[in-house]
């Protein structure tokens, strides 16, 4: 019985350890950091940058999102709260914008806060190759990246991960 209990404890310990690693057999991502001015998205684990990617932003990249339709990418603290596949943008991770502060600011201005802010891939378009999108700010407020980068981020970032978006 003691051997069985010891084996069970060892199995649970190994399972817990496995849950803290990602598919690259390294530390788990506990934060996504976006620095808009640098056009960078970083995957962070315990304060250390694991990976960094080039991103594109909304067509009006300067300043925080104020309202629906302003073509700005939000700034602040949010969560990756769900994900979906998309025919238009490959894979998408939803950002929990608007938060309570965003909603209050928009309400004070008498405008809708907006929503459906995602981290997503690049359209597959015969007329415009992926590199075309990758070199400019083209979204309506989302954060876009190359599809190969998006596939990697999709596997490394779990729902419930904190995302900080800085100016």
N, C-alpha and C. Protein backbone atom coordinates (compact mmCIF):
# COMPACT_ATOMS: atom_id res chain seq x y z
N UNK A 1 0.83 -1.20 0.00
CA UNK A 1 0.00 0.00 0.00
C UNK A 1 0.87 1.25 0.00
N UNK A 2 1.96 1.25 0.78
CA UNK A 2 2.85 2.41 0.81
C UNK A 2 3.51 2.64 -0.54
N UNK A 3 3.88 1.54 -1.20
CA UNK A 3 4.48 1.67 -2.53
C UNK A 3 3.48 2.28 -3.51
N UNK A 4 2.25 1.84 -3.43
CA UNK A 4 1.20 2.37 -4.30
C UNK A 4 0.99 3.86 -4.03
N UNK A 5 0.96 4.23 -2.75
CA UNK A 5 0.80 5.63 -2.38
C UNK A 5 2.00 6.46 -2.86
N UNK A 6 3.21 5.93 -2.69
CA UNK A 6 4.41 6.63 -3.15
C UNK A 6 4.39 6.79 -4.67
N UNK A 7 3.96 5.75 -5.38
CA UNK A 7 3.87 5.81 -6.83
C UNK A 7 2.83 6.84 -7.27
N UNK A 8 1.72 6.89 -6.57
CA UNK A 8 0.68 7.86 -6.87
C UNK A 8 1.20 9.28 -6.65
N UNK A 9 1.90 9.51 -5.55
CA UNK A 9 2.47 10.84 -5.26
C UNK A 9 3.48 11.23 -6.33
N UNK A 10 4.32 10.29 -6.75
CA UNK A 10 5.29 10.57 -7.78
C UNK A 10 4.60 10.92 -9.10
N UNK A 11 3.56 10.17 -9.44
CA UNK A 11 2.80 10.45 -10.67
C UNK A 11 2.18 11.83 -10.64
N UNK A 12 1.58 12.18 -9.50
CA UNK A 12 0.97 13.51 -9.37
C UNK A 12 2.02 14.60 -9.45
N UNK A 13 3.17 14.37 -8.88
CA UNK A 13 4.26 15.35 -8.93
C UNK A 13 4.74 15.55 -10.36
N UNK A 14 4.91 14.47 -11.10
CA UNK A 14 5.33 14.57 -12.49
C UNK A 14 4.27 15.26 -13.34
N UNK A 15 3.02 14.98 -13.08
CA UNK A 15 1.93 15.63 -13.82
C UNK A 15 1.91 17.13 -13.53
N UNK A 16 2.11 17.51 -12.29
CA UNK A 16 2.14 18.94 -11.93
C UNK A 16 3.31 19.63 -12.61
N UNK A 17 4.46 18.95 -12.64
CA UNK A 17 5.63 19.53 -13.28
C UNK A 17 5.39 19.68 -14.78
N UNK A 18 4.78 18.71 -15.39
CA UNK A 18 4.50 18.77 -16.83
C UNK A 18 3.54 19.90 -17.15
N UNK A 19 2.63 20.22 -16.25
CA UNK A 19 1.66 21.28 -16.54
C UNK A 19 2.28 22.66 -16.51
N UNK A 20 3.50 22.80 -15.95
CA UNK A 20 4.16 24.09 -15.91
C UNK A 20 5.12 24.27 -17.07
N UNK A 21 5.16 23.34 -18.00
CA UNK A 21 6.02 23.49 -19.16
C UNK A 21 5.16 23.66 -20.40
N UNK A 22 5.77 24.19 -21.43
CA UNK A 22 5.02 24.35 -22.66
C UNK A 22 5.54 23.36 -23.69
N UNK A 23 5.08 23.51 -24.91
CA UNK A 23 5.43 22.55 -25.94
C UNK A 23 6.89 22.65 -26.36
N UNK A 24 7.60 23.69 -25.97
CA UNK A 24 9.01 23.81 -26.28
C UNK A 24 9.87 23.25 -25.14
N UNK A 25 9.25 22.51 -24.23
CA UNK A 25 9.94 21.91 -23.08
C UNK A 25 10.68 22.94 -22.25
N UNK A 26 10.10 24.10 -22.08
CA UNK A 26 10.69 25.16 -21.28
C UNK A 26 9.67 25.69 -20.30
N UNK A 27 9.98 26.81 -19.69
CA UNK A 27 9.06 27.42 -18.72
C UNK A 27 7.74 27.83 -19.37
N UNK A 28 6.70 27.89 -18.58
CA UNK A 28 5.40 28.29 -19.11
C UNK A 28 5.31 29.81 -19.21
N UNK A 29 4.51 30.27 -20.14
CA UNK A 29 4.29 31.69 -20.34
C UNK A 29 3.27 32.16 -19.31
N UNK A 30 3.66 33.15 -18.48
CA UNK A 30 2.72 33.67 -17.49
C UNK A 30 2.28 35.10 -17.80
N UNK A 31 2.86 35.68 -18.86
CA UNK A 31 2.48 37.04 -19.23
C UNK A 31 2.84 37.27 -20.70
N UNK A 32 1.98 38.01 -21.38
CA UNK A 32 2.27 38.50 -22.72
C UNK A 32 2.46 40.00 -22.57
N UNK A 33 3.57 40.50 -23.07
CA UNK A 33 3.86 41.94 -23.01
C UNK A 33 3.92 42.48 -24.43
N UNK A 34 3.11 43.50 -24.68
CA UNK A 34 3.13 44.18 -25.98
C UNK A 34 3.66 45.59 -25.74
N UNK A 35 4.70 45.96 -26.48
CA UNK A 35 5.23 47.32 -26.44
C UNK A 35 4.94 47.93 -27.81
N UNK A 36 3.88 48.74 -27.84
CA UNK A 36 3.40 49.27 -29.12
C UNK A 36 4.47 50.09 -29.84
N UNK A 37 5.20 50.93 -29.13
CA UNK A 37 6.20 51.80 -29.77
C UNK A 37 7.31 51.00 -30.43
N UNK A 38 7.56 49.79 -29.96
CA UNK A 38 8.60 48.94 -30.53
C UNK A 38 8.04 47.92 -31.52
N UNK A 39 6.70 47.85 -31.63
CA UNK A 39 6.03 46.84 -32.45
C UNK A 39 6.52 45.44 -32.06
N UNK A 40 6.54 45.18 -30.75
CA UNK A 40 7.01 43.89 -30.23
C UNK A 40 5.97 43.26 -29.32
N UNK A 41 5.84 41.94 -29.44
CA UNK A 41 5.07 41.13 -28.51
C UNK A 41 6.07 40.16 -27.89
N UNK A 42 6.12 40.13 -26.55
CA UNK A 42 7.05 39.27 -25.85
C UNK A 42 6.29 38.26 -25.00
N UNK A 43 6.78 37.05 -24.97
CA UNK A 43 6.25 36.03 -24.08
C UNK A 43 7.17 35.98 -22.87
N UNK A 44 6.57 36.15 -21.68
CA UNK A 44 7.32 36.29 -20.44
C UNK A 44 7.04 35.11 -19.52
N UNK A 45 8.08 34.64 -18.85
CA UNK A 45 7.95 33.64 -17.80
C UNK A 45 8.78 34.07 -16.61
N UNK A 46 8.10 34.30 -15.49
CA UNK A 46 8.77 34.72 -14.25
C UNK A 46 9.70 35.91 -14.47
N UNK A 47 9.24 36.87 -15.24
CA UNK A 47 10.00 38.10 -15.47
C UNK A 47 11.04 38.02 -16.57
N UNK A 48 11.23 36.87 -17.18
CA UNK A 48 12.23 36.70 -18.22
C UNK A 48 11.55 36.55 -19.58
N UNK A 49 12.08 37.24 -20.59
CA UNK A 49 11.54 37.12 -21.95
C UNK A 49 11.97 35.79 -22.55
N UNK A 50 10.98 35.00 -22.96
CA UNK A 50 11.26 33.72 -23.61
C UNK A 50 11.37 33.87 -25.12
N UNK A 51 10.46 34.65 -25.70
CA UNK A 51 10.39 34.85 -27.15
C UNK A 51 9.91 36.27 -27.42
N UNK A 52 10.29 36.81 -28.57
CA UNK A 52 9.86 38.14 -28.97
C UNK A 52 9.48 38.09 -30.45
N UNK A 53 8.41 38.81 -30.81
CA UNK A 53 7.88 38.78 -32.17
C UNK A 53 7.60 40.19 -32.67
N UNK A 54 7.72 40.40 -33.96
CA UNK A 54 7.34 41.66 -34.61
C UNK A 54 5.83 41.63 -34.80
N UNK A 55 5.16 42.74 -34.51
CA UNK A 55 3.71 42.83 -34.65
C UNK A 55 3.30 44.04 -35.46
N UNK A 56 2.06 44.01 -35.90
CA UNK A 56 1.40 45.17 -36.51
C UNK A 56 0.26 45.57 -35.59
N UNK A 57 -0.10 46.85 -35.63
CA UNK A 57 -1.15 47.39 -34.75
C UNK A 57 -2.30 47.96 -35.57
N UNK A 58 -3.19 48.66 -34.87
CA UNK A 58 -4.28 49.36 -35.53
C UNK A 58 -3.77 50.47 -36.43
N UNK A 59 -4.60 50.90 -37.36
CA UNK A 59 -4.20 51.93 -38.34
C UNK A 59 -3.87 53.27 -37.68
N UNK A 60 -4.35 53.49 -36.46
CA UNK A 60 -4.01 54.68 -35.67
C UNK A 60 -3.28 54.19 -34.42
N UNK A 61 -1.99 53.89 -34.54
CA UNK A 61 -1.29 53.19 -33.46
C UNK A 61 -0.96 54.03 -32.22
N UNK A 62 -0.95 55.36 -32.34
CA UNK A 62 -0.58 56.19 -31.20
C UNK A 62 -1.75 56.44 -30.28
N UNK A 63 -1.52 56.23 -28.99
CA UNK A 63 -2.56 56.45 -27.99
C UNK A 63 -3.40 55.21 -27.74
N UNK A 64 -4.04 55.21 -26.59
CA UNK A 64 -4.89 54.09 -26.19
C UNK A 64 -6.24 54.14 -26.89
N UNK A 65 -6.83 52.99 -27.07
CA UNK A 65 -8.17 52.91 -27.65
C UNK A 65 -9.13 53.69 -26.76
N UNK A 66 -9.94 54.54 -27.35
CA UNK A 66 -10.90 55.37 -26.62
C UNK A 66 -12.35 54.94 -26.86
N UNK A 67 -12.60 54.44 -28.08
CA UNK A 67 -13.98 54.13 -28.47
C UNK A 67 -13.98 53.17 -29.65
N UNK A 68 -15.13 52.61 -29.86
CA UNK A 68 -15.33 51.73 -31.01
C UNK A 68 -15.06 52.49 -32.30
N UNK A 69 -14.31 51.88 -33.21
CA UNK A 69 -14.06 52.47 -34.51
C UNK A 69 -12.92 53.46 -34.60
N UNK A 70 -12.17 53.67 -33.51
CA UNK A 70 -11.08 54.65 -33.58
C UNK A 70 -9.79 54.09 -34.17
N UNK A 71 -9.77 52.81 -34.52
CA UNK A 71 -8.64 52.14 -35.16
C UNK A 71 -7.39 52.10 -34.29
N UNK A 72 -7.56 52.24 -32.97
CA UNK A 72 -6.43 52.19 -32.04
C UNK A 72 -6.40 50.86 -31.31
N UNK A 73 -5.20 50.47 -30.93
CA UNK A 73 -4.99 49.28 -30.12
C UNK A 73 -5.03 49.70 -28.66
N UNK A 74 -5.75 48.95 -27.81
CA UNK A 74 -5.84 49.34 -26.39
C UNK A 74 -4.48 49.37 -25.69
N UNK A 75 -4.46 50.00 -24.53
CA UNK A 75 -3.30 49.99 -23.64
C UNK A 75 -3.80 49.69 -22.25
N UNK A 76 -3.07 48.86 -21.52
CA UNK A 76 -3.46 48.52 -20.16
C UNK A 76 -3.28 47.04 -19.88
N UNK A 77 -3.93 46.59 -18.81
CA UNK A 77 -3.85 45.19 -18.38
C UNK A 77 -5.14 44.47 -18.75
N UNK A 78 -4.98 43.33 -19.39
CA UNK A 78 -6.11 42.52 -19.85
C UNK A 78 -5.76 41.05 -19.68
N UNK A 79 -6.62 40.18 -20.17
CA UNK A 79 -6.41 38.73 -20.13
C UNK A 79 -6.64 38.16 -21.52
N UNK A 80 -5.94 37.09 -21.83
CA UNK A 80 -6.29 36.29 -23.00
C UNK A 80 -7.42 35.40 -22.50
N UNK A 81 -8.64 35.63 -22.96
CA UNK A 81 -9.77 34.94 -22.33
C UNK A 81 -10.43 33.87 -23.19
N UNK A 82 -10.18 33.84 -24.49
CA UNK A 82 -10.65 32.74 -25.33
C UNK A 82 -9.94 32.80 -26.66
N UNK A 83 -10.13 31.76 -27.46
CA UNK A 83 -9.45 31.66 -28.75
C UNK A 83 -10.36 31.06 -29.79
N UNK A 84 -10.02 31.31 -31.07
CA UNK A 84 -10.80 30.72 -32.15
C UNK A 84 -9.95 30.66 -33.41
N UNK A 85 -10.36 29.78 -34.30
CA UNK A 85 -9.76 29.77 -35.63
C UNK A 85 -10.58 30.73 -36.48
N UNK A 86 -9.95 31.23 -37.53
CA UNK A 86 -10.61 32.22 -38.37
C UNK A 86 -10.21 31.98 -39.81
N UNK A 87 -11.18 31.93 -40.70
CA UNK A 87 -10.86 31.80 -42.12
C UNK A 87 -10.11 33.02 -42.62
N UNK A 88 -10.44 34.18 -42.09
CA UNK A 88 -9.84 35.42 -42.57
C UNK A 88 -8.45 35.67 -41.96
N UNK A 89 -8.29 35.40 -40.65
CA UNK A 89 -7.05 35.76 -39.96
C UNK A 89 -6.35 34.57 -39.31
N UNK A 90 -6.59 33.37 -39.80
CA UNK A 90 -5.93 32.18 -39.29
C UNK A 90 -6.37 31.90 -37.85
N UNK A 91 -5.45 32.04 -36.90
CA UNK A 91 -5.74 31.79 -35.49
C UNK A 91 -5.89 33.11 -34.76
N UNK A 92 -6.75 33.14 -33.73
CA UNK A 92 -7.00 34.37 -32.99
C UNK A 92 -7.09 34.11 -31.50
N UNK A 93 -6.44 34.96 -30.71
CA UNK A 93 -6.55 34.95 -29.25
C UNK A 93 -7.27 36.23 -28.85
N UNK A 94 -8.37 36.10 -28.12
CA UNK A 94 -9.16 37.27 -27.73
C UNK A 94 -8.57 37.94 -26.50
N UNK A 95 -8.50 39.27 -26.55
CA UNK A 95 -8.04 40.10 -25.42
C UNK A 95 -9.28 40.65 -24.73
N UNK A 96 -9.29 40.64 -23.41
CA UNK A 96 -10.49 40.98 -22.62
C UNK A 96 -10.84 42.47 -22.61
N UNK A 97 -10.45 43.22 -23.64
CA UNK A 97 -10.87 44.61 -23.79
C UNK A 97 -12.35 44.63 -24.12
N UNK A 98 -13.14 45.52 -23.53
CA UNK A 98 -12.79 46.59 -22.60
C UNK A 98 -12.83 46.10 -21.14
N UNK A 99 -11.92 46.65 -20.33
CA UNK A 99 -11.99 46.39 -18.90
C UNK A 99 -12.89 47.47 -18.25
N UNK A 100 -13.06 47.39 -16.95
CA UNK A 100 -13.98 48.32 -16.26
C UNK A 100 -13.56 49.78 -16.47
N UNK A 101 -12.26 50.05 -16.47
CA UNK A 101 -11.78 51.42 -16.67
C UNK A 101 -12.11 51.91 -18.08
N UNK A 102 -11.92 51.04 -19.08
CA UNK A 102 -12.23 51.41 -20.47
C UNK A 102 -13.71 51.71 -20.64
N UNK A 103 -14.55 50.89 -20.02
CA UNK A 103 -16.00 51.07 -20.11
C UNK A 103 -16.41 52.40 -19.48
N UNK A 104 -15.85 52.71 -18.31
CA UNK A 104 -16.17 53.96 -17.61
C UNK A 104 -15.74 55.18 -18.43
N UNK A 105 -14.53 55.13 -19.02
CA UNK A 105 -14.05 56.25 -19.83
C UNK A 105 -14.95 56.47 -21.04
N UNK A 106 -15.32 55.39 -21.70
CA UNK A 106 -16.18 55.52 -22.88
C UNK A 106 -17.56 56.05 -22.48
N UNK A 107 -18.09 55.54 -21.37
CA UNK A 107 -19.40 56.00 -20.90
C UNK A 107 -19.36 57.49 -20.59
N UNK A 108 -18.28 57.96 -19.95
CA UNK A 108 -18.13 59.38 -19.63
C UNK A 108 -18.11 60.25 -20.89
N UNK A 109 -17.58 59.68 -21.98
CA UNK A 109 -17.52 60.41 -23.25
C UNK A 109 -18.78 60.20 -24.10
N UNK A 110 -19.67 59.32 -23.63
CA UNK A 110 -20.90 59.06 -24.37
C UNK A 110 -20.69 58.26 -25.64
N UNK A 111 -19.67 57.41 -25.66
CA UNK A 111 -19.38 56.61 -26.85
C UNK A 111 -19.28 55.13 -26.46
N UNK A 112 -19.49 54.21 -27.41
CA UNK A 112 -19.28 52.80 -27.11
C UNK A 112 -17.79 52.48 -27.03
N UNK A 113 -17.41 51.63 -26.09
CA UNK A 113 -15.99 51.28 -25.89
C UNK A 113 -15.44 50.42 -27.02
N UNK A 114 -16.28 49.64 -27.65
CA UNK A 114 -15.82 48.72 -28.67
C UNK A 114 -15.47 47.37 -28.05
N UNK A 115 -14.91 46.50 -28.84
CA UNK A 115 -14.57 45.16 -28.36
C UNK A 115 -13.99 44.33 -29.48
N UNK A 116 -13.95 43.02 -29.27
CA UNK A 116 -13.39 42.06 -30.23
C UNK A 116 -11.97 42.40 -30.64
N UNK A 117 -11.16 42.73 -29.65
CA UNK A 117 -9.74 42.98 -29.89
C UNK A 117 -9.02 41.64 -29.77
N UNK A 118 -8.26 41.30 -30.79
CA UNK A 118 -7.62 39.99 -30.87
C UNK A 118 -6.13 40.12 -31.18
N UNK A 119 -5.40 39.08 -30.83
CA UNK A 119 -4.08 38.84 -31.42
C UNK A 119 -4.37 37.82 -32.52
N UNK A 120 -3.99 38.13 -33.75
CA UNK A 120 -4.33 37.21 -34.84
C UNK A 120 -3.24 37.19 -35.90
N UNK A 121 -3.40 36.26 -36.82
CA UNK A 121 -2.47 36.10 -37.93
C UNK A 121 -2.78 37.07 -39.05
N UNK A 122 -2.19 36.79 -40.19
CA UNK A 122 -2.27 37.63 -41.36
C UNK A 122 -3.14 36.96 -42.42
N UNK A 123 -3.95 37.73 -43.14
CA UNK A 123 -4.78 37.12 -44.18
C UNK A 123 -3.92 36.44 -45.25
N UNK A 124 -4.45 35.36 -45.76
CA UNK A 124 -3.84 34.74 -46.94
C UNK A 124 -4.52 35.37 -48.13
N UNK A 125 -3.80 36.18 -48.87
CA UNK A 125 -4.36 36.96 -49.95
C UNK A 125 -3.42 36.87 -51.15
N UNK A 126 -3.93 36.41 -52.27
CA UNK A 126 -3.09 36.24 -53.45
C UNK A 126 -2.55 37.58 -53.96
N UNK A 127 -3.31 38.65 -53.76
CA UNK A 127 -2.89 39.96 -54.25
C UNK A 127 -1.83 40.61 -53.35
N UNK A 128 -1.93 40.35 -52.04
CA UNK A 128 -0.99 40.94 -51.09
C UNK A 128 -0.31 39.84 -50.28
N UNK A 129 0.99 39.65 -50.45
CA UNK A 129 1.69 38.60 -49.70
C UNK A 129 1.80 38.95 -48.21
N UNK A 130 2.09 37.95 -47.42
CA UNK A 130 2.15 38.14 -45.97
C UNK A 130 3.12 39.24 -45.56
N UNK A 131 4.26 39.32 -46.22
CA UNK A 131 5.24 40.34 -45.83
C UNK A 131 4.69 41.75 -45.98
N UNK A 132 3.74 41.95 -46.90
CA UNK A 132 3.13 43.26 -47.09
C UNK A 132 2.42 43.70 -45.81
N UNK A 133 1.64 42.80 -45.22
CA UNK A 133 0.92 43.13 -43.99
C UNK A 133 1.87 43.29 -42.81
N UNK A 134 2.93 42.50 -42.83
CA UNK A 134 3.85 42.44 -41.70
C UNK A 134 4.65 43.73 -41.51
N UNK A 135 4.68 44.59 -42.51
CA UNK A 135 5.51 45.78 -42.43
C UNK A 135 4.75 47.07 -42.17
N UNK A 136 3.43 46.98 -41.93
CA UNK A 136 2.67 48.20 -41.63
C UNK A 136 1.57 47.94 -40.62
N UNK A 137 1.06 49.02 -40.06
CA UNK A 137 -0.07 48.94 -39.12
C UNK A 137 -1.34 48.97 -39.95
N UNK A 138 -2.12 47.89 -39.90
CA UNK A 138 -3.23 47.74 -40.83
C UNK A 138 -4.53 47.27 -40.19
N UNK A 139 -4.53 46.92 -38.90
CA UNK A 139 -5.73 46.36 -38.30
C UNK A 139 -6.69 47.46 -37.85
N UNK A 140 -7.84 47.04 -37.36
CA UNK A 140 -8.82 47.99 -36.83
C UNK A 140 -8.68 48.16 -35.32
N UNK A 141 -7.55 47.74 -34.78
CA UNK A 141 -7.27 47.86 -33.35
C UNK A 141 -6.66 46.59 -32.77
N UNK A 142 -6.62 45.55 -33.58
CA UNK A 142 -6.06 44.28 -33.12
C UNK A 142 -4.53 44.29 -33.20
N UNK A 143 -3.94 43.22 -32.73
CA UNK A 143 -2.51 42.98 -32.81
C UNK A 143 -2.32 41.83 -33.78
N UNK A 144 -1.58 42.07 -34.86
CA UNK A 144 -1.40 41.05 -35.90
C UNK A 144 0.06 40.63 -35.97
N UNK A 145 0.26 39.38 -36.38
CA UNK A 145 1.61 38.84 -36.53
C UNK A 145 1.64 37.85 -37.69
N UNK A 146 2.86 37.51 -38.13
CA UNK A 146 2.98 36.51 -39.18
C UNK A 146 2.31 35.22 -38.72
N UNK A 147 1.76 34.49 -39.67
CA UNK A 147 1.03 33.26 -39.34
C UNK A 147 1.91 32.22 -38.65
N UNK A 148 3.16 32.09 -39.05
CA UNK A 148 4.05 31.14 -38.37
C UNK A 148 4.27 31.54 -36.92
N UNK A 149 4.42 32.85 -36.67
CA UNK A 149 4.56 33.33 -35.29
C UNK A 149 3.27 33.10 -34.51
N UNK A 150 2.13 33.35 -35.16
CA UNK A 150 0.84 33.16 -34.49
C UNK A 150 0.62 31.71 -34.11
N UNK A 151 1.02 30.79 -34.96
CA UNK A 151 0.87 29.36 -34.62
C UNK A 151 1.70 29.03 -33.38
N UNK A 152 2.89 29.60 -33.28
CA UNK A 152 3.73 29.34 -32.11
C UNK A 152 3.12 29.96 -30.85
N UNK A 153 2.68 31.21 -30.94
CA UNK A 153 2.06 31.87 -29.79
C UNK A 153 0.81 31.11 -29.36
N UNK A 154 0.02 30.65 -30.31
CA UNK A 154 -1.20 29.87 -30.03
C UNK A 154 -0.89 28.67 -29.14
N UNK A 155 0.22 27.98 -29.42
CA UNK A 155 0.56 26.79 -28.64
C UNK A 155 1.17 27.13 -27.28
N UNK A 156 1.81 28.29 -27.17
CA UNK A 156 2.53 28.63 -25.94
C UNK A 156 1.70 29.41 -24.92
N UNK A 157 0.70 30.15 -25.39
CA UNK A 157 -0.09 31.02 -24.51
C UNK A 157 -1.44 30.35 -24.23
N UNK A 158 -1.72 30.17 -22.97
CA UNK A 158 -2.97 29.52 -22.55
C UNK A 158 -4.03 30.58 -22.25
N UNK A 159 -5.30 30.19 -22.35
CA UNK A 159 -6.38 31.07 -21.93
C UNK A 159 -6.18 31.41 -20.45
N UNK A 160 -6.46 32.65 -20.08
CA UNK A 160 -6.27 33.10 -18.71
C UNK A 160 -4.94 33.78 -18.48
N UNK A 161 -4.10 33.87 -19.52
CA UNK A 161 -2.79 34.52 -19.39
C UNK A 161 -2.96 36.04 -19.38
N UNK A 162 -2.23 36.70 -18.49
CA UNK A 162 -2.22 38.16 -18.41
C UNK A 162 -1.56 38.73 -19.67
N UNK A 163 -2.14 39.82 -20.19
CA UNK A 163 -1.49 40.57 -21.28
C UNK A 163 -1.42 42.03 -20.87
N UNK A 164 -0.24 42.58 -20.93
CA UNK A 164 -0.02 44.01 -20.67
C UNK A 164 0.33 44.67 -22.00
N UNK A 165 -0.41 45.72 -22.34
CA UNK A 165 -0.17 46.45 -23.57
C UNK A 165 0.32 47.85 -23.17
N UNK A 166 1.57 48.14 -23.50
CA UNK A 166 2.19 49.42 -23.17
C UNK A 166 2.25 50.31 -24.41
N UNK A 167 2.28 51.64 -24.17
CA UNK A 167 2.40 52.58 -25.31
C UNK A 167 3.65 52.30 -26.15
